[in-house]
């Protein structure tokens, strides 16, 4: 058994609207099934998990762009 959790990143409406503005069509990208899943350590408390995610958020955000 692997003692891990997962971080799932899915695009939301603000990203889709931003991406749609990158060309003249104005069409929203089709992102069905588009998500990034990463293994992260399992945390004892929600506060520990939040602190860890807050520390890696900039890197995850940059990677997704």
PDB file of N, CA and C in Angstrom:
ATOM      1  N   UNK A   1       0.835  -1.170   0.000  1.00  0.00           N
ATOM      2  CA  UNK A   1       0.000   0.000   0.000  1.00  0.00           C
ATOM      3  C   UNK A   1       0.890   1.248   0.000  1.00  0.00           C
ATOM      4  N   UNK A   2       0.517   2.220  -0.811  1.00  0.00           N
ATOM      5  CA  UNK A   2       1.240   3.487  -0.853  1.00  0.00           C
ATOM      6  C   UNK A   2       0.475   4.500  -0.024  1.00  0.00           C
ATOM      7  N   UNK A   3       1.153   5.103   0.913  1.00  0.00           N
ATOM      8  CA  UNK A   3       0.522   6.071   1.798  1.00  0.00           C
ATOM      9  C   UNK A   3       0.672   7.465   1.195  1.00  0.00           C
ATOM     10  N   UNK A   4      -0.146   7.772   0.194  1.00  0.00           N
ATOM     11  CA  UNK A   4      -0.076   9.039  -0.517  1.00  0.00           C
ATOM     12  C   UNK A   4      -1.482   9.572  -0.761  1.00  0.00           C
ATOM     13  N   UNK A   5      -1.556  10.840  -1.021  1.00  0.00           N
ATOM     14  CA  UNK A   5      -2.790  11.497  -1.444  1.00  0.00           C
ATOM     15  C   UNK A   5      -2.545  12.021  -2.858  1.00  0.00           C
ATOM     16  N   UNK A   6      -3.549  12.582  -3.476  1.00  0.00           N
ATOM     17  CA  UNK A   6      -3.373  13.145  -4.810  1.00  0.00           C
ATOM     18  C   UNK A   6      -3.839  14.591  -4.832  1.00  0.00           C
ATOM     19  N   UNK A   7      -3.182  15.349  -5.679  1.00  0.00           N
ATOM     20  CA  UNK A   7      -3.551  16.733  -5.965  1.00  0.00           C
ATOM     21  C   UNK A   7      -4.081  16.724  -7.394  1.00  0.00           C
ATOM     22  N   UNK A   8      -5.338  17.140  -7.569  1.00  0.00           N
ATOM     23  CA  UNK A   8      -5.952  17.175  -8.896  1.00  0.00           C
ATOM     24  C   UNK A   8      -6.162  18.634  -9.282  1.00  0.00           C
ATOM     25  N   UNK A   9      -5.638  19.000 -10.461  1.00  0.00           N
ATOM     26  CA  UNK A   9      -5.769  20.366 -10.962  1.00  0.00           C
ATOM     27  C   UNK A   9      -6.652  20.320 -12.206  1.00  0.00           C
ATOM     28  N   UNK A  10      -7.779  21.052 -12.151  1.00  0.00           N
ATOM     29  CA  UNK A  10      -8.704  21.141 -13.281  1.00  0.00           C
ATOM     30  C   UNK A  10      -8.888  22.606 -13.636  1.00  0.00           C
ATOM     31  N   UNK A  11      -8.956  22.909 -14.936  1.00  0.00           N
ATOM     32  CA  UNK A  11      -9.173  24.304 -15.319  1.00  0.00           C
ATOM     33  C   UNK A  11     -10.584  24.768 -14.951  1.00  0.00           C
ATOM     34  N   UNK A  12     -10.675  26.012 -14.477  1.00  0.00           N
ATOM     35  CA  UNK A  12     -11.966  26.604 -14.131  1.00  0.00           C
ATOM     36  C   UNK A  12     -12.284  27.744 -15.083  1.00  0.00           C
ATOM     37  N   UNK A  13     -13.452  28.291 -14.947  1.00  0.00           N
ATOM     38  CA  UNK A  13     -13.976  29.311 -15.848  1.00  0.00           C
ATOM     39  C   UNK A  13     -13.016  30.483 -16.075  1.00  0.00           C
ATOM     40  N   UNK A  14     -12.393  31.078 -15.048  1.00  0.00           N
ATOM     41  CA  UNK A  14     -11.485  32.203 -15.324  1.00  0.00           C
ATOM     42  C   UNK A  14     -10.346  31.833 -16.267  1.00  0.00           C
ATOM     43  N   UNK A  15      -9.773  30.636 -16.100  1.00  0.00           N
ATOM     44  CA  UNK A  15      -8.711  30.198 -17.005  1.00  0.00           C
ATOM     45  C   UNK A  15      -9.247  30.028 -18.408  1.00  0.00           C
ATOM     46  N   UNK A  16     -10.415  29.392 -18.530  1.00  0.00           N
ATOM     47  CA  UNK A  16     -11.002  29.153 -19.852  1.00  0.00           C
ATOM     48  C   UNK A  16     -11.278  30.468 -20.575  1.00  0.00           C
ATOM     49  N   UNK A  17     -11.788  31.453 -19.850  1.00  0.00           N
ATOM     50  CA  UNK A  17     -12.060  32.754 -20.465  1.00  0.00           C
ATOM     51  C   UNK A  17     -10.758  33.430 -20.888  1.00  0.00           C
ATOM     52  N   UNK A  18      -9.727  33.320 -20.067  1.00  0.00           N
ATOM     53  CA  UNK A  18      -8.425  33.885 -20.420  1.00  0.00           C
ATOM     54  C   UNK A  18      -7.890  33.206 -21.679  1.00  0.00           C
ATOM     55  N   UNK A  19      -7.962  31.873 -21.713  1.00  0.00           N
ATOM     56  CA  UNK A  19      -7.453  31.122 -22.866  1.00  0.00           C
ATOM     57  C   UNK A  19      -8.248  31.458 -24.127  1.00  0.00           C
ATOM     58  N   UNK A  20      -9.554  31.658 -23.983  1.00  0.00           N
ATOM     59  CA  UNK A  20     -10.388  31.993 -25.139  1.00  0.00           C
ATOM     60  C   UNK A  20      -9.994  33.348 -25.721  1.00  0.00           C
ATOM     61  N   UNK A  21      -9.474  34.233 -24.897  1.00  0.00           N
ATOM     62  CA  UNK A  21      -9.071  35.559 -25.358  1.00  0.00           C
ATOM     63  C   UNK A  21      -7.728  35.583 -26.062  1.00  0.00           C
ATOM     64  N   UNK A  22      -7.044  34.453 -26.127  1.00  0.00           N
ATOM     65  CA  UNK A  22      -5.732  34.412 -26.756  1.00  0.00           C
ATOM     66  C   UNK A  22      -5.795  34.403 -28.276  1.00  0.00           C
ATOM     67  N   UNK A  23      -6.960  34.101 -28.833  1.00  0.00           N
ATOM     68  CA  UNK A  23      -7.113  34.180 -30.291  1.00  0.00           C
ATOM     69  C   UNK A  23      -8.411  34.923 -30.612  1.00  0.00           C
ATOM     70  N   UNK A  24      -8.656  35.131 -31.873  1.00  0.00           N
ATOM     71  CA  UNK A  24      -9.810  35.930 -32.284  1.00  0.00           C
ATOM     72  C   UNK A  24     -11.117  35.155 -32.313  1.00  0.00           C
ATOM     73  N   UNK A  25     -11.089  33.843 -32.167  1.00  0.00           N
ATOM     74  CA  UNK A  25     -12.323  33.057 -32.274  1.00  0.00           C
ATOM     75  C   UNK A  25     -13.241  33.256 -31.076  1.00  0.00           C
ATOM     76  N   UNK A  26     -12.667  33.493 -29.895  1.00  0.00           N
ATOM     77  CA  UNK A  26     -13.466  33.658 -28.686  1.00  0.00           C
ATOM     78  C   UNK A  26     -14.061  32.361 -28.176  1.00  0.00           C
ATOM     79  N   UNK A  27     -13.746  31.250 -28.823  1.00  0.00           N
ATOM     80  CA  UNK A  27     -14.280  29.956 -28.408  1.00  0.00           C
ATOM     81  C   UNK A  27     -13.542  29.457 -27.170  1.00  0.00           C
ATOM     82  N   UNK A  28     -14.304  28.929 -26.232  1.00  0.00           N
ATOM     83  CA  UNK A  28     -13.683  28.356 -25.043  1.00  0.00           C
ATOM     84  C   UNK A  28     -13.003  27.041 -25.417  1.00  0.00           C
ATOM     85  N   UNK A  29     -11.831  26.800 -24.875  1.00  0.00           N
ATOM     86  CA  UNK A  29     -11.148  25.527 -25.151  1.00  0.00           C
ATOM     87  C   UNK A  29     -11.979  24.350 -24.638  1.00  0.00           C
ATOM     88  N   UNK A  30     -11.920  23.239 -25.325  1.00  0.00           N
ATOM     89  CA  UNK A  30     -12.582  22.022 -24.885  1.00  0.00           C
ATOM     90  C   UNK A  30     -11.625  21.292 -23.954  1.00  0.00           C
ATOM     91  N   UNK A  31     -11.938  21.275 -22.687  1.00  0.00           N
ATOM     92  CA  UNK A  31     -11.018  20.698 -21.703  1.00  0.00           C
ATOM     93  C   UNK A  31     -11.604  19.477 -21.006  1.00  0.00           C
ATOM     94  N   UNK A  32     -12.619  18.879 -21.615  1.00  0.00           N
ATOM     95  CA  UNK A  32     -13.174  17.665 -21.015  1.00  0.00           C
ATOM     96  C   UNK A  32     -12.070  16.634 -20.839  1.00  0.00           C
ATOM     97  N   UNK A  33     -11.948  16.139 -19.637  1.00  0.00           N
ATOM     98  CA  UNK A  33     -10.934  15.139 -19.352  1.00  0.00           C
ATOM     99  C   UNK A  33      -9.552  15.719 -19.111  1.00  0.00           C
ATOM    100  N   UNK A  34      -9.415  17.036 -19.238  1.00  0.00           N
ATOM    101  CA  UNK A  34      -8.114  17.674 -19.012  1.00  0.00           C
ATOM    102  C   UNK A  34      -7.936  17.914 -17.516  1.00  0.00           C
ATOM    103  N   UNK A  35      -7.016  17.224 -16.939  1.00  0.00           N
ATOM    104  CA  UNK A  35      -6.667  17.455 -15.545  1.00  0.00           C
ATOM    105  C   UNK A  35      -5.274  16.904 -15.306  1.00  0.00           C
ATOM    106  N   UNK A  36      -4.638  17.456 -14.317  1.00  0.00           N
ATOM    107  CA  UNK A  36      -3.325  16.988 -13.910  1.00  0.00           C
ATOM    108  C   UNK A  36      -3.472  16.334 -12.545  1.00  0.00           C
ATOM    109  N   UNK A  37      -2.929  15.153 -12.399  1.00  0.00           N
ATOM    110  CA  UNK A  37      -2.983  14.445 -11.128  1.00  0.00           C
ATOM    111  C   UNK A  37      -1.552  14.216 -10.659  1.00  0.00           C
ATOM    112  N   UNK A  38      -1.265  14.639  -9.437  1.00  0.00           N
ATOM    113  CA  UNK A  38       0.076  14.477  -8.861  1.00  0.00           C
ATOM    114  C   UNK A  38      -0.043  13.812  -7.493  1.00  0.00           C
ATOM    115  N   UNK A  39       0.868  12.904  -7.222  1.00  0.00           N
ATOM    116  CA  UNK A  39       0.936  12.328  -5.885  1.00  0.00           C
ATOM    117  C   UNK A  39       1.569  13.327  -4.942  1.00  0.00           C
ATOM    118  N   UNK A  40       1.008  13.422  -3.749  1.00  0.00           N
ATOM    119  CA  UNK A  40       1.549  14.277  -2.698  1.00  0.00           C
ATOM    120  C   UNK A  40       1.583  13.454  -1.407  1.00  0.00           C
ATOM    121  N   UNK A  41       2.376  13.880  -0.448  1.00  0.00           N
ATOM    122  CA  UNK A  41       2.402  13.136   0.812  1.00  0.00           C
ATOM    123  C   UNK A  41       1.029  13.153   1.494  1.00  0.00           C
ATOM    124  N   UNK A  42       0.777  12.136   2.278  1.00  0.00           N
ATOM    125  CA  UNK A  42      -0.423  12.098   3.093  1.00  0.00           C
ATOM    126  C   UNK A  42      -0.164  12.929   4.350  1.00  0.00           C
ATOM    127  N   UNK A  43      -1.097  13.771   4.739  1.00  0.00           N
ATOM    128  CA  UNK A  43      -0.903  14.653   5.893  1.00  0.00           C
ATOM    129  C   UNK A  43      -1.815  14.228   7.036  1.00  0.00           C
ATOM    130  N   UNK A  44      -1.349  14.490   8.259  1.00  0.00           N
ATOM    131  CA  UNK A  44      -2.122  14.116   9.443  1.00  0.00           C
ATOM    132  C   UNK A  44      -3.322  15.031   9.662  1.00  0.00           C
ATOM    133  N   UNK A  45      -3.164  16.303   9.299  1.00  0.00           N
ATOM    134  CA  UNK A  45      -4.262  17.250   9.528  1.00  0.00           C
ATOM    135  C   UNK A  45      -4.520  18.076   8.266  1.00  0.00           C
ATOM    136  N   UNK A  46      -5.704  18.639   8.178  1.00  0.00           N
ATOM    137  CA  UNK A  46      -6.031  19.523   7.062  1.00  0.00           C
ATOM    138  C   UNK A  46      -5.140  20.764   7.061  1.00  0.00           C
ATOM    139  N   UNK A  47      -4.796  21.250   8.247  1.00  0.00           N
ATOM    140  CA  UNK A  47      -3.923  22.433   8.339  1.00  0.00           C
ATOM    141  C   UNK A  47      -2.542  22.141   7.755  1.00  0.00           C
ATOM    142  N   UNK A  48      -2.012  20.943   8.031  1.00  0.00           N
ATOM    143  CA  UNK A  48      -0.716  20.560   7.462  1.00  0.00           C
ATOM    144  C   UNK A  48      -0.805  20.473   5.935  1.00  0.00           C
ATOM    145  N   UNK A  49      -1.881  19.893   5.441  1.00  0.00           N
ATOM    146  CA  UNK A  49      -2.066  19.775   3.994  1.00  0.00           C
ATOM    147  C   UNK A  49      -2.169  21.151   3.360  1.00  0.00           C
ATOM    148  N   UNK A  50      -2.942  22.043   3.950  1.00  0.00           N
ATOM    149  CA  UNK A  50      -3.120  23.402   3.417  1.00  0.00           C
ATOM    150  C   UNK A  50      -1.788  24.141   3.398  1.00  0.00           C
ATOM    151  N   UNK A  51      -1.008  24.030   4.441  1.00  0.00           N
ATOM    152  CA  UNK A  51       0.289  24.712   4.499  1.00  0.00           C
ATOM    153  C   UNK A  51       1.212  24.199   3.398  1.00  0.00           C
ATOM    154  N   UNK A  52       1.216  22.908   3.184  1.00  0.00           N
ATOM    155  CA  UNK A  52       2.059  22.337   2.131  1.00  0.00           C
ATOM    156  C   UNK A  52       1.595  22.784   0.749  1.00  0.00           C
ATOM    157  N   UNK A  53       0.294  22.734   0.494  1.00  0.00           N
ATOM    158  CA  UNK A  53      -0.232  23.160  -0.803  1.00  0.00           C
ATOM    159  C   UNK A  53       0.013  24.644  -1.042  1.00  0.00           C
ATOM    160  N   UNK A  54      -0.110  25.449  -0.005  1.00  0.00           N
ATOM    161  CA  UNK A  54       0.176  26.883  -0.145  1.00  0.00           C
ATOM    162  C   UNK A  54       1.627  27.114  -0.553  1.00  0.00           C
ATOM    163  N   UNK A  55       2.530  26.266  -0.060  1.00  0.00           N
ATOM    164  CA  UNK A  55       3.950  26.464  -0.374  1.00  0.00           C
ATOM    165  C   UNK A  55       4.299  26.040  -1.807  1.00  0.00           C
ATOM    166  N   UNK A  56       3.576  25.073  -2.369  1.00  0.00           N
ATOM    167  CA  UNK A  56       3.880  24.618  -3.732  1.00  0.00           C
ATOM    168  C   UNK A  56       2.966  25.237  -4.785  1.00  0.00           C
ATOM    169  N   UNK A  57       1.973  26.010  -4.362  1.00  0.00           N
ATOM    170  CA  UNK A  57       1.013  26.590  -5.299  1.00  0.00           C
ATOM    171  C   UNK A  57       1.677  27.351  -6.444  1.00  0.00           C
ATOM    172  N   UNK A  58       2.643  28.250  -6.182  1.00  0.00           N
ATOM    173  CA  UNK A  58       3.250  28.986  -7.305  1.00  0.00           C
ATOM    174  C   UNK A  58       3.887  28.062  -8.349  1.00  0.00           C
ATOM    175  N   UNK A  59       4.548  27.020  -7.909  1.00  0.00           N
ATOM    176  CA  UNK A  59       5.179  26.082  -8.838  1.00  0.00           C
ATOM    177  C   UNK A  59       4.135  25.323  -9.652  1.00  0.00           C
ATOM    178  N   UNK A  60       3.066  24.879  -9.004  1.00  0.00           N
ATOM    179  CA  UNK A  60       1.999  24.158  -9.701  1.00  0.00           C
ATOM    180  C   UNK A  60       1.323  25.081 -10.724  1.00  0.00           C
ATOM    181  N   UNK A  61       1.057  26.308 -10.310  1.00  0.00           N
ATOM    182  CA  UNK A  61       0.419  27.284 -11.205  1.00  0.00           C
ATOM    183  C   UNK A  61       1.274  27.520 -12.447  1.00  0.00           C
ATOM    184  N   UNK A  62       2.561  27.766 -12.255  1.00  0.00           N
ATOM    185  CA  UNK A  62       3.474  27.985 -13.382  1.00  0.00           C
ATOM    186  C   UNK A  62       3.522  26.763 -14.307  1.00  0.00           C
ATOM    187  N   UNK A  63       3.566  25.596 -13.720  1.00  0.00           N
ATOM    188  CA  UNK A  63       3.634  24.359 -14.507  1.00  0.00           C
ATOM    189  C   UNK A  63       2.375  24.197 -15.373  1.00  0.00           C
ATOM    190  N   UNK A  64       1.237  24.532 -14.827  1.00  0.00           N
ATOM    191  CA  UNK A  64      -0.025  24.367 -15.556  1.00  0.00           C
ATOM    192  C   UNK A  64      -0.169  25.367 -16.690  1.00  0.00           C
ATOM    193  N   UNK A  65       0.429  26.529 -16.536  1.00  0.00           N
ATOM    194  CA  UNK A  65       0.356  27.509 -17.636  1.00  0.00           C
ATOM    195  C   UNK A  65       1.208  27.040 -18.797  1.00  0.00           C
TER     196      UNK A  65
END
